[in-house]
Amino acid sequence: MKKLIGILTILFLLSFSVTTHAQVVKKTTHAVKKSAKAVGNKTAEVASKGKSRVTDKVYKGKVGPNGQTIYIDDHSRYYWVDKKGHRNYVTEADLKPKVPK
């Protein structure tokens, strides 16, 4: 009887450690996914801005709605690149004059 109670006690204590380990793995997995997404977005932003600087013209006299660098593509359309690397096209009326520093 004592052996049975001892074995049940050990199994009961081991079940807590398995549950705790599963929670830690879940939190770590979430953190890794979040970090990977952030790194991917930053990589896309840098690559897109680099490509835009090489292939398109930079509009030096104007900035975007929040101070973004404005590029002009081959079809004379104005755009800026967001944090995810996407082009956001704007009209010339939406552009603001660049304030010297």
N, C-alpha and C. Protein backbone atom coordinates (compact mmCIF):
# COMPACT_ATOMS: atom_id res chain seq x y z
N MET A 1 0.82 -1.19 0.00
CA MET A 1 0.00 0.00 0.00
C MET A 1 0.87 1.26 0.00
N LYS A 2 1.96 1.24 0.77
CA LYS A 2 2.85 2.40 0.82
C LYS A 2 3.51 2.64 -0.53
N LYS A 3 3.87 1.56 -1.21
CA LYS A 3 4.49 1.70 -2.53
C LYS A 3 3.50 2.31 -3.51
N LEU A 4 2.25 1.89 -3.44
CA LEU A 4 1.22 2.41 -4.33
C LEU A 4 1.01 3.90 -4.10
N ILE A 5 0.94 4.32 -2.85
CA ILE A 5 0.78 5.74 -2.54
C ILE A 5 2.01 6.52 -2.99
N GLY A 6 3.19 5.98 -2.82
CA GLY A 6 4.42 6.63 -3.26
C GLY A 6 4.47 6.81 -4.77
N ILE A 7 4.09 5.77 -5.50
CA ILE A 7 4.08 5.83 -6.96
C ILE A 7 3.05 6.85 -7.44
N LEU A 8 1.86 6.85 -6.84
CA LEU A 8 0.82 7.81 -7.22
C LEU A 8 1.26 9.25 -6.92
N THR A 9 1.94 9.44 -5.82
CA THR A 9 2.44 10.78 -5.46
C THR A 9 3.47 11.25 -6.47
N ILE A 10 4.38 10.39 -6.87
CA ILE A 10 5.41 10.75 -7.85
C ILE A 10 4.76 11.08 -9.20
N LEU A 11 3.80 10.27 -9.64
CA LEU A 11 3.11 10.54 -10.90
C LEU A 11 2.33 11.85 -10.85
N PHE A 12 1.73 12.13 -9.70
CA PHE A 12 0.98 13.36 -9.53
C PHE A 12 1.91 14.58 -9.65
N LEU A 13 3.06 14.52 -9.03
CA LEU A 13 4.03 15.62 -9.09
C LEU A 13 4.61 15.78 -10.50
N LEU A 14 4.84 14.68 -11.19
CA LEU A 14 5.35 14.75 -12.56
C LEU A 14 4.34 15.38 -13.52
N SER A 15 3.07 15.21 -13.27
CA SER A 15 2.05 15.79 -14.14
C SER A 15 2.10 17.32 -14.09
N PHE A 16 2.46 17.90 -12.95
CA PHE A 16 2.60 19.35 -12.86
C PHE A 16 3.75 19.86 -13.72
N SER A 17 4.85 19.14 -13.70
CA SER A 17 6.01 19.59 -14.47
C SER A 17 5.73 19.51 -15.98
N VAL A 18 4.97 18.52 -16.42
CA VAL A 18 4.64 18.40 -17.84
C VAL A 18 3.75 19.57 -18.26
N THR A 19 2.78 19.93 -17.42
CA THR A 19 1.89 21.04 -17.72
C THR A 19 2.66 22.35 -17.78
N THR A 20 3.55 22.56 -16.84
CA THR A 20 4.35 23.78 -16.81
C THR A 20 5.25 23.84 -18.04
N HIS A 21 5.85 22.75 -18.41
CA HIS A 21 6.72 22.70 -19.59
C HIS A 21 5.94 23.03 -20.86
N ALA A 22 4.72 22.55 -20.96
CA ALA A 22 3.89 22.83 -22.14
C ALA A 22 3.57 24.31 -22.24
N GLN A 23 3.33 24.97 -21.10
CA GLN A 23 3.04 26.40 -21.10
C GLN A 23 4.27 27.21 -21.53
N VAL A 24 5.44 26.80 -21.07
CA VAL A 24 6.67 27.49 -21.43
C VAL A 24 6.93 27.35 -22.93
N VAL A 25 6.71 26.17 -23.46
CA VAL A 25 6.91 25.95 -24.90
C VAL A 25 5.94 26.80 -25.70
N LYS A 26 4.70 26.91 -25.23
CA LYS A 26 3.70 27.70 -25.94
C LYS A 26 4.09 29.19 -25.95
N LYS A 27 4.56 29.71 -24.82
CA LYS A 27 4.98 31.11 -24.74
C LYS A 27 6.20 31.36 -25.62
N THR A 28 7.15 30.43 -25.60
CA THR A 28 8.35 30.58 -26.41
C THR A 28 8.01 30.54 -27.88
N THR A 29 7.13 29.65 -28.27
CA THR A 29 6.72 29.55 -29.67
C THR A 29 6.08 30.85 -30.14
N HIS A 30 5.22 31.42 -29.28
CA HIS A 30 4.56 32.69 -29.63
C HIS A 30 5.60 33.80 -29.77
N ALA A 31 6.58 33.86 -28.88
CA ALA A 31 7.61 34.90 -28.95
C ALA A 31 8.46 34.75 -30.22
N VAL A 32 8.77 33.52 -30.58
CA VAL A 32 9.58 33.28 -31.78
C VAL A 32 8.79 33.69 -33.03
N LYS A 33 7.51 33.35 -33.08
CA LYS A 33 6.68 33.73 -34.24
C LYS A 33 6.58 35.24 -34.37
N LYS A 34 6.39 35.91 -33.24
CA LYS A 34 6.26 37.37 -33.24
C LYS A 34 7.57 38.01 -33.71
N SER A 35 8.69 37.52 -33.21
CA SER A 35 9.99 38.06 -33.60
C SER A 35 10.28 37.80 -35.07
N ALA A 36 9.96 36.61 -35.53
CA ALA A 36 10.19 36.27 -36.94
C ALA A 36 9.37 37.16 -37.86
N LYS A 37 8.14 37.46 -37.47
CA LYS A 37 7.29 38.33 -38.27
C LYS A 37 7.87 39.74 -38.31
N ALA A 38 8.36 40.24 -37.16
CA ALA A 38 8.95 41.58 -37.11
C ALA A 38 10.21 41.66 -37.96
N VAL A 39 11.04 40.63 -37.91
CA VAL A 39 12.26 40.61 -38.72
C VAL A 39 11.92 40.55 -40.20
N GLY A 40 10.94 39.76 -40.55
CA GLY A 40 10.51 39.66 -41.95
C GLY A 40 9.98 40.98 -42.47
N ASN A 41 9.18 41.69 -41.65
CA ASN A 41 8.64 42.99 -42.07
C ASN A 41 9.76 44.01 -42.26
N LYS A 42 10.72 44.03 -41.35
CA LYS A 42 11.83 44.98 -41.46
C LYS A 42 12.69 44.67 -42.69
N THR A 43 12.91 43.39 -42.95
CA THR A 43 13.67 43.00 -44.13
C THR A 43 12.96 43.44 -45.41
N ALA A 44 11.65 43.25 -45.45
CA ALA A 44 10.87 43.66 -46.62
C ALA A 44 10.91 45.17 -46.80
N GLU A 45 10.84 45.91 -45.69
CA GLU A 45 10.89 47.37 -45.76
C GLU A 45 12.23 47.85 -46.32
N VAL A 46 13.32 47.32 -45.78
CA VAL A 46 14.65 47.74 -46.22
C VAL A 46 14.88 47.37 -47.68
N ALA A 47 14.46 46.17 -48.07
CA ALA A 47 14.64 45.74 -49.46
C ALA A 47 13.81 46.59 -50.41
N SER A 48 12.58 46.88 -50.04
CA SER A 48 11.71 47.68 -50.90
C SER A 48 12.22 49.11 -51.03
N LYS A 49 12.69 49.69 -49.92
CA LYS A 49 13.22 51.05 -49.98
C LYS A 49 14.50 51.09 -50.80
N GLY A 50 15.33 50.08 -50.67
CA GLY A 50 16.56 50.02 -51.46
C GLY A 50 16.27 49.92 -52.94
N LYS A 51 15.32 49.08 -53.30
CA LYS A 51 14.93 48.94 -54.70
C LYS A 51 14.35 50.24 -55.23
N SER A 52 13.53 50.90 -54.42
CA SER A 52 12.92 52.16 -54.84
C SER A 52 13.96 53.24 -55.07
N ARG A 53 14.96 53.29 -54.21
CA ARG A 53 16.02 54.30 -54.36
C ARG A 53 16.81 54.08 -55.65
N VAL A 54 16.99 52.82 -56.04
CA VAL A 54 17.78 52.52 -57.23
C VAL A 54 16.96 52.70 -58.50
N THR A 55 15.74 52.20 -58.52
CA THR A 55 14.96 52.19 -59.77
C THR A 55 14.10 53.43 -59.98
N ASP A 56 13.68 54.10 -58.91
CA ASP A 56 12.77 55.24 -59.04
C ASP A 56 13.43 56.52 -58.55
N LYS A 57 12.80 57.64 -58.88
CA LYS A 57 13.32 58.94 -58.45
C LYS A 57 12.79 59.29 -57.06
N VAL A 58 13.61 60.01 -56.30
CA VAL A 58 13.18 60.50 -55.00
C VAL A 58 12.69 61.93 -55.18
N TYR A 59 11.50 62.23 -54.66
CA TYR A 59 10.93 63.57 -54.75
C TYR A 59 11.54 64.38 -53.59
N LYS A 60 12.45 65.28 -53.90
CA LYS A 60 13.22 65.96 -52.87
C LYS A 60 12.49 67.13 -52.23
N GLY A 61 11.52 67.73 -52.88
CA GLY A 61 10.85 68.91 -52.35
C GLY A 61 9.65 68.61 -51.48
N LYS A 62 9.16 67.39 -51.50
CA LYS A 62 7.94 67.04 -50.77
C LYS A 62 8.15 65.79 -49.93
N VAL A 63 7.29 65.62 -48.92
CA VAL A 63 7.29 64.43 -48.08
C VAL A 63 5.87 63.91 -47.98
N GLY A 64 5.73 62.71 -47.46
CA GLY A 64 4.42 62.10 -47.32
C GLY A 64 3.63 62.69 -46.17
N PRO A 65 2.44 62.17 -45.90
CA PRO A 65 1.57 62.68 -44.85
C PRO A 65 2.23 62.69 -43.46
N ASN A 66 3.09 61.72 -43.18
CA ASN A 66 3.75 61.65 -41.88
C ASN A 66 5.26 61.82 -42.00
N GLY A 67 5.70 62.51 -43.04
CA GLY A 67 7.13 62.77 -43.22
C GLY A 67 7.89 61.68 -43.94
N GLN A 68 7.21 60.79 -44.63
CA GLN A 68 7.87 59.70 -45.35
C GLN A 68 8.54 60.23 -46.62
N THR A 69 9.57 59.51 -47.04
CA THR A 69 10.24 59.81 -48.30
C THR A 69 9.31 59.43 -49.45
N ILE A 70 9.19 60.32 -50.42
CA ILE A 70 8.31 60.08 -51.57
C ILE A 70 9.15 59.68 -52.78
N TYR A 71 8.69 58.63 -53.46
CA TYR A 71 9.34 58.15 -54.68
C TYR A 71 8.41 58.36 -55.85
N ILE A 72 8.98 58.50 -57.04
CA ILE A 72 8.19 58.65 -58.27
C ILE A 72 8.56 57.48 -59.18
N ASP A 73 7.55 56.68 -59.57
CA ASP A 73 7.83 55.51 -60.41
C ASP A 73 7.84 55.89 -61.89
N ASP A 74 7.97 54.90 -62.75
CA ASP A 74 8.08 55.12 -64.21
C ASP A 74 6.83 55.74 -64.82
N HIS A 75 5.69 55.58 -64.14
CA HIS A 75 4.42 56.10 -64.66
C HIS A 75 4.06 57.43 -64.00
N SER A 76 5.04 58.09 -63.38
CA SER A 76 4.86 59.38 -62.71
C SER A 76 3.84 59.33 -61.58
N ARG A 77 3.79 58.20 -60.88
CA ARG A 77 2.92 58.08 -59.71
C ARG A 77 3.78 58.24 -58.46
N TYR A 78 3.23 58.90 -57.45
CA TYR A 78 3.94 59.15 -56.20
C TYR A 78 3.59 58.06 -55.18
N TYR A 79 4.59 57.60 -54.45
CA TYR A 79 4.33 56.59 -53.41
C TYR A 79 5.38 56.67 -52.32
N TRP A 80 5.05 56.09 -51.17
CA TRP A 80 6.00 55.92 -50.08
C TRP A 80 5.92 54.47 -49.61
N VAL A 81 6.96 54.00 -48.94
CA VAL A 81 7.05 52.60 -48.51
C VAL A 81 6.77 52.52 -47.02
N ASP A 82 5.82 51.64 -46.63
CA ASP A 82 5.47 51.51 -45.22
C ASP A 82 6.37 50.51 -44.49
N LYS A 83 6.06 50.23 -43.22
CA LYS A 83 6.89 49.36 -42.38
C LYS A 83 6.87 47.90 -42.81
N LYS A 84 5.92 47.52 -43.64
CA LYS A 84 5.86 46.15 -44.12
C LYS A 84 6.41 46.01 -45.53
N GLY A 85 6.93 47.09 -46.10
CA GLY A 85 7.52 47.05 -47.43
C GLY A 85 6.53 47.26 -48.56
N HIS A 86 5.30 47.67 -48.24
CA HIS A 86 4.28 47.90 -49.27
C HIS A 86 4.35 49.33 -49.78
N ARG A 87 4.06 49.49 -51.06
CA ARG A 87 3.97 50.82 -51.65
C ARG A 87 2.60 51.41 -51.36
N ASN A 88 2.57 52.64 -50.89
CA ASN A 88 1.32 53.36 -50.64
C ASN A 88 1.30 54.56 -51.58
N TYR A 89 0.46 54.48 -52.60
CA TYR A 89 0.39 55.55 -53.59
C TYR A 89 -0.43 56.71 -53.04
N VAL A 90 0.04 57.93 -53.34
CA VAL A 90 -0.65 59.15 -52.89
C VAL A 90 -0.76 60.10 -54.08
N THR A 91 -1.71 61.02 -53.97
CA THR A 91 -1.84 62.04 -55.00
C THR A 91 -0.90 63.20 -54.67
N GLU A 92 -0.64 64.02 -55.65
CA GLU A 92 0.26 65.14 -55.44
C GLU A 92 -0.34 66.13 -54.44
N ALA A 93 -1.66 66.18 -54.35
CA ALA A 93 -2.33 67.08 -53.41
C ALA A 93 -2.10 66.65 -51.95
N ASP A 94 -1.86 65.36 -51.71
CA ASP A 94 -1.65 64.85 -50.35
C ASP A 94 -0.24 65.10 -49.84
N LEU A 95 0.68 65.51 -50.72
CA LEU A 95 2.06 65.70 -50.32
C LEU A 95 2.23 67.02 -49.59
N LYS A 96 3.19 67.04 -48.66
CA LYS A 96 3.48 68.24 -47.88
C LYS A 96 4.87 68.76 -48.26
N PRO A 97 5.08 70.06 -48.14
CA PRO A 97 6.42 70.59 -48.44
C PRO A 97 7.42 70.11 -47.40
N LYS A 98 8.64 69.85 -47.84
CA LYS A 98 9.68 69.37 -46.95
C LYS A 98 10.21 70.52 -46.12
N VAL A 99 10.24 70.33 -44.80
CA VAL A 99 10.72 71.37 -43.89
C VAL A 99 12.21 71.15 -43.68
N PRO A 100 13.06 72.16 -43.94
CA PRO A 100 14.49 71.98 -43.72
C PRO A 100 14.79 71.83 -42.23
N LYS A 101 15.80 71.04 -41.92
CA LYS A 101 16.13 70.79 -40.52
C LYS A 101 16.98 71.87 -39.93
